[in-house]
């Protein structure tokens, strides 16, 4: 009788759930998903949780395939030599393959006072805390949102639509991923909502205090509630476990998403750095990387060579309150183009994207391996060759935002 292969998936976000579901294609693979929460978090709806228009959670029974064991706990260390992980509750779990899908979280970027006086919004707990803080604050209290990627823009718009006085501090450019045409559309909508947008190099935040945000150009903005949406960082689990990481802490892998240190550890999602050229953080890349991480394991079990990673992008969608939004279209290599869909159609498309993302998880749970129609980027090989040759290559695009 063939012995089952034990696979642990660390992290129950978009990448982790997709990986776990895809692994159930084989009956002789036992999958254990370890996650600190008992419910799946729709991270792309956390700004809605803040204003109460959505709870941003889905029951795992709706998105996980039957037979996957869910362990509600936190992994504190990976013991690669022993093929086991240590849990916060004190136990250990053994594995034959491990999927590293720990995702990302908020970062204060080392700005003095940000950790003490600003409220991040990158996790369910942070968004819930912010919701309580806003509920206790006066409706006329000045709200300052720091960070002008999708999370910051969406939060500012959501709160302004609810009647809050909001200032959006960009720390540079508004929506750095967006094409100039799309950026103008977003700026126009924010202005209509009453959001004060401060952009340009002088708007970098230097200090946060209990009641103010201080900028590089010397301005001090009075702030009753300061919301921090200035980017994401990854957990340091890989580094603490003695595994190789990139400069941001992502697990370094080859192009099959396999750790450069250990062939039994495969990464997916925001915490993966294939060839030290990671993809933009977000669910769009996560739902593609998850299945490919699983296929690397399945290929090895079948005695086959795993395929190299391929991820393609369609663009970036941003809600601008409940009645407006924008879908910024892009080339497959994640370079924004001049075409966008805004207004109410943009809001409807954003909602379709949110719902379809959960649908993809559910579809993979019911029919693992059937979903293969993601767009693909054919220019990654150019980037890899340029990196190998140490020669810069321009694809004619602005840098992608790191926030979604």
Protein backbone atom coordinates (compact mmCIF):
# COMPACT_ATOMS: atom_id res chain seq x y z
CA UNK A 1 0.00 0.00 0.00
CA UNK A 2 1.36 3.42 -0.98
CA UNK A 3 2.14 5.69 1.97
CA UNK A 4 0.56 9.14 1.94
CA UNK A 5 2.71 12.22 1.36
CA UNK A 6 2.25 14.80 4.10
CA UNK A 7 2.18 18.39 2.84
CA UNK A 8 1.91 21.40 5.15
CA UNK A 9 0.71 24.75 3.83
CA UNK A 10 1.67 27.67 6.07
CA UNK A 11 -0.79 30.50 5.51
CA UNK A 12 -4.46 30.46 4.57
CA UNK A 13 -4.63 33.48 2.29
CA UNK A 14 -5.27 33.52 -1.45
CA UNK A 15 -2.05 31.68 -2.36
CA UNK A 16 -2.22 29.19 0.49
CA UNK A 17 -5.83 28.18 -0.17
CA UNK A 18 -5.23 27.81 -3.90
CA UNK A 19 -2.17 25.65 -3.21
CA UNK A 20 -3.94 23.45 -0.69
CA UNK A 21 -6.89 22.89 -3.01
CA UNK A 22 -4.73 22.06 -6.04
CA UNK A 23 -2.80 19.47 -4.00
CA UNK A 24 -5.98 17.42 -3.49
CA UNK A 25 -5.73 16.16 -7.08
CA UNK A 26 -3.86 13.16 -5.67
CA UNK A 27 -5.58 10.86 -3.19
CA UNK A 28 -2.24 9.87 -1.67
CA UNK A 29 -1.43 13.46 -0.59
CA UNK A 30 -2.53 14.59 2.87
CA UNK A 31 -2.83 18.38 3.16
CA UNK A 32 -2.69 20.36 6.40
CA UNK A 33 -3.32 24.11 6.27
CA UNK A 34 -1.95 26.06 9.23
CA UNK A 35 -3.39 29.54 9.68
CA UNK A 36 -3.72 31.85 12.72
CA UNK A 37 -7.42 32.55 12.02
CA UNK A 38 -10.41 30.19 11.70
CA UNK A 39 -11.86 32.09 8.73
CA UNK A 40 -10.56 33.15 5.32
CA UNK A 41 -9.93 36.90 5.10
CA UNK A 42 -10.95 38.79 1.96
CA UNK A 43 -8.06 41.16 2.24
CA UNK A 44 -9.23 43.18 -0.75
CA UNK A 45 -12.32 44.14 1.27
CA UNK A 46 -10.66 45.31 4.48
CA UNK A 47 -11.37 48.96 3.66
CA UNK A 48 -15.05 48.00 3.58
CA UNK A 49 -14.78 46.42 7.03
CA UNK A 50 -13.63 49.79 8.38
CA UNK A 51 -16.90 51.47 7.33
CA UNK A 52 -19.08 48.42 7.97
CA UNK A 53 -20.15 47.67 4.39
CA UNK A 54 -18.61 44.17 4.49
CA UNK A 55 -17.19 41.85 7.15
CA UNK A 56 -14.32 40.76 4.84
CA UNK A 57 -14.39 37.11 5.93
CA UNK A 58 -15.50 33.82 4.34
CA UNK A 59 -15.93 30.48 6.09
CA UNK A 60 -13.11 28.10 5.19
CA UNK A 61 -15.64 25.36 4.51
CA UNK A 62 -16.75 27.41 1.51
CA UNK A 63 -13.29 27.74 -0.06
CA UNK A 64 -11.34 24.67 1.09
CA UNK A 65 -11.62 21.25 -0.50
CA UNK A 66 -12.98 18.38 1.58
CA UNK A 67 -10.27 16.47 3.36
CA UNK A 68 -7.93 19.39 4.00
CA UNK A 69 -7.12 19.62 7.69
CA UNK A 70 -7.26 23.16 9.08
CA UNK A 71 -5.04 23.86 12.09
CA UNK A 72 -5.71 27.24 13.71
CA UNK A 73 -2.28 28.17 15.01
CA UNK A 74 0.87 30.12 14.13
CA UNK A 75 4.12 28.59 12.93
CA UNK A 76 7.02 30.04 14.91
CA UNK A 77 9.85 28.11 13.26
CA UNK A 78 10.54 25.84 10.31
CA UNK A 79 12.95 23.02 11.20
CA UNK A 80 14.11 22.14 7.70
CA UNK A 81 16.61 19.48 8.73
CA UNK A 82 13.93 17.64 10.69
CA UNK A 83 11.11 18.42 8.22
CA UNK A 84 8.87 19.79 10.92
CA UNK A 85 7.39 23.08 12.06
CA UNK A 86 6.99 24.41 15.58
CA UNK A 87 3.64 25.92 16.56
CA UNK A 88 2.95 28.82 18.90
CA UNK A 89 0.95 26.46 21.11
CA UNK A 90 4.07 24.37 21.61
CA UNK A 91 3.38 21.39 19.35
CA UNK A 92 5.17 20.32 16.18
CA UNK A 93 3.88 19.07 12.84
CA UNK A 94 5.97 16.93 10.49
CA UNK A 95 5.95 17.23 6.72
CA UNK A 96 7.43 15.77 3.58
CA UNK A 97 6.78 18.95 1.59
CA UNK A 98 6.12 22.43 2.94
CA UNK A 99 4.38 25.32 1.16
CA UNK A 100 5.53 28.71 2.41
CA UNK A 101 2.58 31.08 1.85
CA UNK A 102 2.75 33.37 4.87
CA UNK A 103 1.64 36.44 2.91
CA UNK A 104 2.43 39.99 3.95
CA UNK A 105 1.52 42.49 6.64
CA UNK A 106 1.82 46.19 7.38
CA UNK A 107 5.09 48.07 7.86
CA UNK A 108 5.74 51.42 9.53
CA UNK A 109 8.84 51.95 7.35
CA UNK A 110 10.74 53.01 10.46
CA UNK A 111 8.94 56.35 10.62
CA UNK A 112 9.11 57.70 14.20
CA UNK A 113 5.75 57.54 15.93
CA UNK A 114 4.00 55.52 13.21
CA UNK A 115 3.88 52.32 15.26
CA UNK A 116 2.58 54.16 18.33
CA UNK A 117 0.09 56.63 16.86
CA UNK A 118 -0.99 55.42 13.40
CA UNK A 119 -3.45 52.64 12.65
CA UNK A 120 -2.49 50.13 9.94
CA UNK A 121 -5.09 48.32 7.85
CA UNK A 122 -3.26 45.34 6.35
CA UNK A 123 -4.84 42.59 8.48
CA UNK A 124 -8.30 41.66 9.75
CA UNK A 125 -7.36 42.56 13.31
CA UNK A 126 -5.90 45.91 12.29
CA UNK A 127 -8.96 46.81 10.23
CA UNK A 128 -11.25 45.80 13.11
CA UNK A 129 -9.29 47.93 15.54
CA UNK A 130 -9.47 50.90 13.17
CA UNK A 131 -13.22 50.44 12.83
CA UNK A 132 -13.57 50.72 16.61
CA UNK A 133 -11.31 53.76 16.79
CA UNK A 134 -13.29 55.59 14.11
CA UNK A 135 -16.59 54.68 15.78
CA UNK A 136 -15.34 56.28 19.01
CA UNK A 137 -13.99 59.39 17.28
CA UNK A 138 -16.00 62.48 16.49
CA UNK A 139 -17.49 62.48 12.99
CA UNK A 140 -15.74 65.81 12.41
CA UNK A 141 -12.32 64.55 13.54
CA UNK A 142 -9.66 65.04 10.87
CA UNK A 143 -8.65 61.71 9.32
CA UNK A 144 -5.26 61.40 7.66
CA UNK A 145 -4.53 58.43 5.40
CA UNK A 146 -0.82 57.87 4.71
CA UNK A 147 -0.01 55.99 1.51
CA UNK A 148 -1.47 56.42 -1.97
CA UNK A 149 -1.44 52.89 -3.32
CA UNK A 150 -4.74 51.00 -3.68
CA UNK A 151 -5.18 50.43 0.07
CA UNK A 152 -4.74 54.11 0.90
CA UNK A 153 -6.89 55.36 -1.98
CA UNK A 154 -9.69 52.91 -1.22
CA UNK A 155 -9.69 53.70 2.50
CA UNK A 156 -9.68 57.46 1.91
CA UNK A 157 -12.53 57.24 -0.60
CA UNK A 158 -14.59 54.92 1.59
CA UNK A 159 -14.32 57.20 4.62
CA UNK A 160 -14.94 60.38 2.64
CA UNK A 161 -18.05 58.89 1.10
CA UNK A 162 -19.23 58.16 4.65
CA UNK A 163 -18.87 61.86 5.47
CA UNK A 164 -15.46 61.92 7.16
CA UNK A 165 -13.05 64.82 6.51
CA UNK A 166 -10.09 63.02 4.91
CA UNK A 167 -6.59 64.03 3.83
CA UNK A 168 -4.63 61.57 1.70
CA UNK A 169 -0.87 61.96 2.10
CA UNK A 170 0.82 60.32 -0.87
CA UNK A 171 4.46 60.52 0.15
CA UNK A 172 5.17 60.96 -3.55
CA UNK A 173 2.84 60.25 -6.45
CA UNK A 174 -0.86 59.44 -6.23
CA UNK A 175 -1.43 55.87 -7.43
CA UNK A 176 2.13 55.22 -8.66
CA UNK A 177 1.02 52.15 -10.62
CA UNK A 178 -1.61 54.04 -12.60
CA UNK A 179 -1.23 55.44 -16.11
CA UNK A 180 -1.44 59.27 -16.06
CA UNK A 181 -4.95 59.11 -17.58
CA UNK A 182 -6.13 56.75 -14.87
CA UNK A 183 -4.42 58.85 -12.20
CA UNK A 184 -6.27 61.96 -13.33
CA UNK A 185 -9.55 60.07 -13.14
CA UNK A 186 -8.82 58.93 -9.58
CA UNK A 187 -7.79 62.44 -8.52
CA UNK A 188 -11.01 63.85 -9.95
CA UNK A 189 -13.14 61.32 -8.06
CA UNK A 190 -11.30 61.91 -4.78
CA UNK A 191 -11.78 65.65 -5.18
CA UNK A 192 -15.51 65.13 -5.75
CA UNK A 193 -15.66 63.11 -2.52
CA UNK A 194 -13.96 65.96 -0.68
CA UNK A 195 -10.62 64.21 -0.11
CA UNK A 196 -7.66 66.57 0.19
CA UNK A 197 -4.81 64.94 -1.75
CA UNK A 198 -1.25 65.96 -0.86
CA UNK A 199 1.31 64.61 -3.31
CA UNK A 200 4.84 65.34 -4.41
CA UNK A 201 8.28 64.71 -2.85
CA UNK A 202 7.63 67.05 0.06
CA UNK A 203 4.77 64.89 1.31
CA UNK A 204 6.93 62.10 2.66
CA UNK A 205 5.96 61.57 6.31
CA UNK A 206 8.83 62.17 8.73
CA UNK A 207 7.07 61.82 12.09
CA UNK A 208 3.67 60.85 13.46
CA UNK A 209 2.45 62.16 16.81
CA UNK A 210 -0.75 61.59 18.72
CA UNK A 211 -2.55 64.44 16.97
CA UNK A 212 -0.45 65.35 13.93
CA UNK A 213 1.41 64.09 10.88
CA UNK A 214 4.66 65.88 10.02
CA UNK A 215 5.87 66.08 6.42
CA UNK A 216 9.29 66.48 4.83
CA UNK A 217 8.45 69.97 3.57
CA UNK A 218 7.88 71.15 7.14
CA UNK A 219 4.10 71.02 7.25
CA UNK A 220 2.34 69.61 10.31
CA UNK A 221 -1.14 68.26 9.59
CA UNK A 222 -3.60 68.10 12.45
CA UNK A 223 -4.92 64.55 12.63
CA UNK A 224 -7.53 63.07 14.93
CA UNK A 225 -7.10 59.58 13.42
CA UNK A 226 -4.04 58.63 11.36
CA UNK A 227 -4.34 55.58 9.12
CA UNK A 228 -1.16 53.91 7.86
CA UNK A 229 -1.40 52.35 4.39
CA UNK A 230 2.16 52.95 3.21
CA UNK A 231 3.07 49.51 1.95
CA UNK A 232 3.51 45.93 3.05
CA UNK A 233 6.27 43.80 4.53
CA UNK A 234 6.58 40.04 4.84
CA UNK A 235 6.88 38.01 8.07
CA UNK A 236 10.40 37.05 9.10
CA UNK A 237 9.62 33.35 9.58
CA UNK A 238 11.95 32.24 6.77
CA UNK A 239 14.86 34.32 8.02
CA UNK A 240 14.31 33.21 11.63
CA UNK A 241 14.34 29.62 10.39
CA UNK A 242 17.72 30.03 8.70
CA UNK A 243 16.40 30.05 5.13
CA UNK A 244 17.70 32.37 2.42
CA UNK A 245 15.61 35.48 1.77
CA UNK A 246 15.75 38.55 -0.43
CA UNK A 247 16.36 42.04 0.95
CA UNK A 248 12.67 42.34 1.88
CA UNK A 249 12.49 39.00 3.69
CA UNK A 250 10.76 36.96 0.98
CA UNK A 251 11.86 33.34 0.64
CA UNK A 252 14.40 33.01 -2.18
CA UNK A 253 13.44 30.34 -4.68
CA UNK A 254 14.31 29.16 -8.17
CA UNK A 255 11.88 29.53 -11.06
CA UNK A 256 9.90 26.47 -9.92
CA UNK A 257 9.19 28.28 -6.62
CA UNK A 258 11.48 25.84 -4.78
CA UNK A 259 13.63 27.21 -1.95
CA UNK A 260 17.27 27.64 -2.95
CA UNK A 261 18.16 25.91 0.34
CA UNK A 262 15.77 22.98 0.45
CA UNK A 263 13.98 21.05 -2.31
CA UNK A 264 11.15 20.16 0.05
CA UNK A 265 10.15 23.80 0.67
CA UNK A 266 8.13 25.65 -1.98
CA UNK A 267 6.88 29.25 -1.76
CA UNK A 268 3.80 31.01 -3.10
CA UNK A 269 2.23 34.45 -2.90
CA UNK A 270 3.59 37.69 -1.43
CA UNK A 271 6.34 35.89 0.51
CA UNK A 272 7.96 34.28 -2.55
CA UNK A 273 10.96 35.71 -4.43
CA UNK A 274 11.62 33.49 -7.47
CA UNK A 275 15.10 34.24 -8.85
CA UNK A 276 15.12 37.33 -6.59
CA UNK A 277 12.59 38.88 -9.01
CA UNK A 278 9.32 38.77 -7.06
CA UNK A 279 5.95 39.60 -8.58
CA UNK A 280 3.78 42.48 -7.40
CA UNK A 281 2.15 41.64 -4.10
CA UNK A 282 -1.58 40.98 -4.28
CA UNK A 283 -4.31 38.45 -4.93
CA UNK A 284 -3.83 38.66 -8.70
CA UNK A 285 -0.40 37.05 -8.48
CA UNK A 286 -1.28 34.91 -5.44
CA UNK A 287 -4.08 32.97 -7.16
CA UNK A 288 -1.64 32.11 -9.96
CA UNK A 289 1.39 31.30 -7.80
CA UNK A 290 -0.59 29.02 -5.46
CA UNK A 291 -1.54 26.41 -8.07
CA UNK A 292 1.95 26.52 -9.56
CA UNK A 293 3.51 25.84 -6.16
CA UNK A 294 1.21 22.84 -5.83
CA UNK A 295 2.12 21.63 -9.32
CA UNK A 296 5.80 21.72 -8.37
CA UNK A 297 5.07 19.27 -5.56
CA UNK A 298 2.78 17.12 -7.71
CA UNK A 299 5.35 16.97 -10.51
CA UNK A 300 8.06 15.79 -8.15
CA UNK A 301 5.76 13.12 -6.74
CA UNK A 302 5.10 11.96 -10.31
CA UNK A 303 8.83 11.86 -11.04
CA UNK A 304 8.58 14.76 -13.49
CA UNK A 305 10.49 18.04 -13.83
CA UNK A 306 8.41 20.93 -12.44
CA UNK A 307 7.49 23.74 -14.81
CA UNK A 308 8.92 27.22 -14.37
CA UNK A 309 6.69 29.94 -12.98
CA UNK A 310 4.51 32.01 -15.30
CA UNK A 311 2.36 34.88 -14.03
CA UNK A 312 0.50 37.45 -16.10
CA UNK A 313 -1.38 40.57 -15.08
CA UNK A 314 -4.53 42.23 -16.39
CA UNK A 315 -4.24 45.49 -14.45
CA UNK A 316 -5.24 46.95 -11.11
CA UNK A 317 -8.73 47.66 -9.78
CA UNK A 318 -9.44 50.25 -7.10
CA UNK A 319 -12.76 51.07 -5.51
CA UNK A 320 -13.52 54.75 -4.98
CA UNK A 321 -16.36 54.41 -2.53
CA UNK A 322 -19.40 52.23 -3.13
CA UNK A 323 -20.53 54.04 -6.28
CA UNK A 324 -17.35 54.50 -8.26
CA UNK A 325 -14.10 52.76 -9.08
CA UNK A 326 -11.40 52.27 -11.66
CA UNK A 327 -9.96 49.29 -13.46
CA UNK A 328 -6.54 50.26 -14.79
CA UNK A 329 -5.68 47.89 -17.63
CA UNK A 330 -2.10 46.76 -18.17
CA UNK A 331 0.15 44.70 -20.38
CA UNK A 332 0.66 41.15 -19.17
CA UNK A 333 4.01 42.16 -17.72
CA UNK A 334 2.18 44.50 -15.29
CA UNK A 335 2.92 47.75 -17.15
CA UNK A 336 -0.10 50.06 -17.03
CA UNK A 337 -1.53 51.25 -20.35
CA UNK A 338 -3.68 54.27 -21.21
CA UNK A 339 -6.95 52.31 -21.13
CA UNK A 340 -9.05 52.28 -17.95
CA UNK A 341 -12.66 51.82 -16.94
CA UNK A 342 -13.93 54.32 -14.39
CA UNK A 343 -17.08 55.56 -12.65
CA UNK A 344 -19.97 53.22 -11.91
CA UNK A 345 -18.80 50.65 -14.51
CA UNK A 346 -15.42 50.65 -12.75
CA UNK A 347 -17.13 50.04 -9.40
CA UNK A 348 -19.16 47.17 -10.85
CA UNK A 349 -16.07 45.59 -12.39
CA UNK A 350 -14.22 45.92 -9.08
CA UNK A 351 -17.05 44.09 -7.32
CA UNK A 352 -17.00 41.38 -9.99
CA UNK A 353 -13.26 40.98 -9.41
CA UNK A 354 -13.74 40.67 -5.64
CA UNK A 355 -16.46 38.06 -6.03
CA UNK A 356 -14.63 36.18 -8.78
CA UNK A 357 -11.50 35.90 -6.64
CA UNK A 358 -13.42 33.97 -3.98
CA UNK A 359 -15.12 32.02 -6.78
CA UNK A 360 -11.70 30.93 -8.04
CA UNK A 361 -10.87 29.52 -4.62
CA UNK A 362 -14.19 27.69 -4.49
CA UNK A 363 -13.82 26.38 -8.04
CA UNK A 364 -10.34 25.03 -7.28
CA UNK A 365 -11.72 23.36 -4.14
CA UNK A 366 -14.40 21.55 -6.12
CA UNK A 367 -12.44 20.90 -9.33
CA UNK A 368 -8.72 21.02 -8.53
CA UNK A 369 -6.51 21.43 -11.55
CA UNK A 370 -9.27 22.43 -13.99
CA UNK A 371 -8.65 26.19 -13.89
CA UNK A 372 -5.75 26.95 -16.24
CA UNK A 373 -6.83 30.06 -18.16
CA UNK A 374 -4.87 32.78 -16.33
CA UNK A 375 -3.09 35.28 -18.55
CA UNK A 376 0.66 34.76 -18.97
CA UNK A 377 3.55 37.20 -19.27
CA UNK A 378 6.06 36.36 -21.98
CA UNK A 379 8.65 38.96 -20.93
CA UNK A 380 9.89 37.42 -17.69
CA UNK A 381 12.68 35.61 -19.52
CA UNK A 382 13.98 38.99 -20.67
CA UNK A 383 14.10 40.19 -17.07
CA UNK A 384 15.89 37.03 -15.99
CA UNK A 385 18.43 37.36 -18.78
CA UNK A 386 18.99 41.03 -17.96
CA UNK A 387 19.51 40.18 -14.30
CA UNK A 388 21.94 37.43 -15.30
CA UNK A 389 23.86 39.81 -17.54
CA UNK A 390 23.66 42.63 -14.96
CA UNK A 391 22.25 44.89 -17.62
CA UNK A 392 19.16 47.04 -16.94
CA UNK A 393 16.20 46.46 -19.22
CA UNK A 394 13.32 48.88 -19.77
CA UNK A 395 9.85 47.59 -20.51
CA UNK A 396 8.41 51.08 -20.82
CA UNK A 397 6.48 50.98 -17.57
CA UNK A 398 6.26 52.85 -14.33
CA UNK A 399 7.22 50.86 -11.23
CA UNK A 400 4.33 48.79 -9.89
CA UNK A 401 2.83 49.81 -6.57
CA UNK A 402 3.80 47.50 -3.74
CA UNK A 403 0.49 47.88 -1.96
CA UNK A 404 -1.83 45.54 -3.82
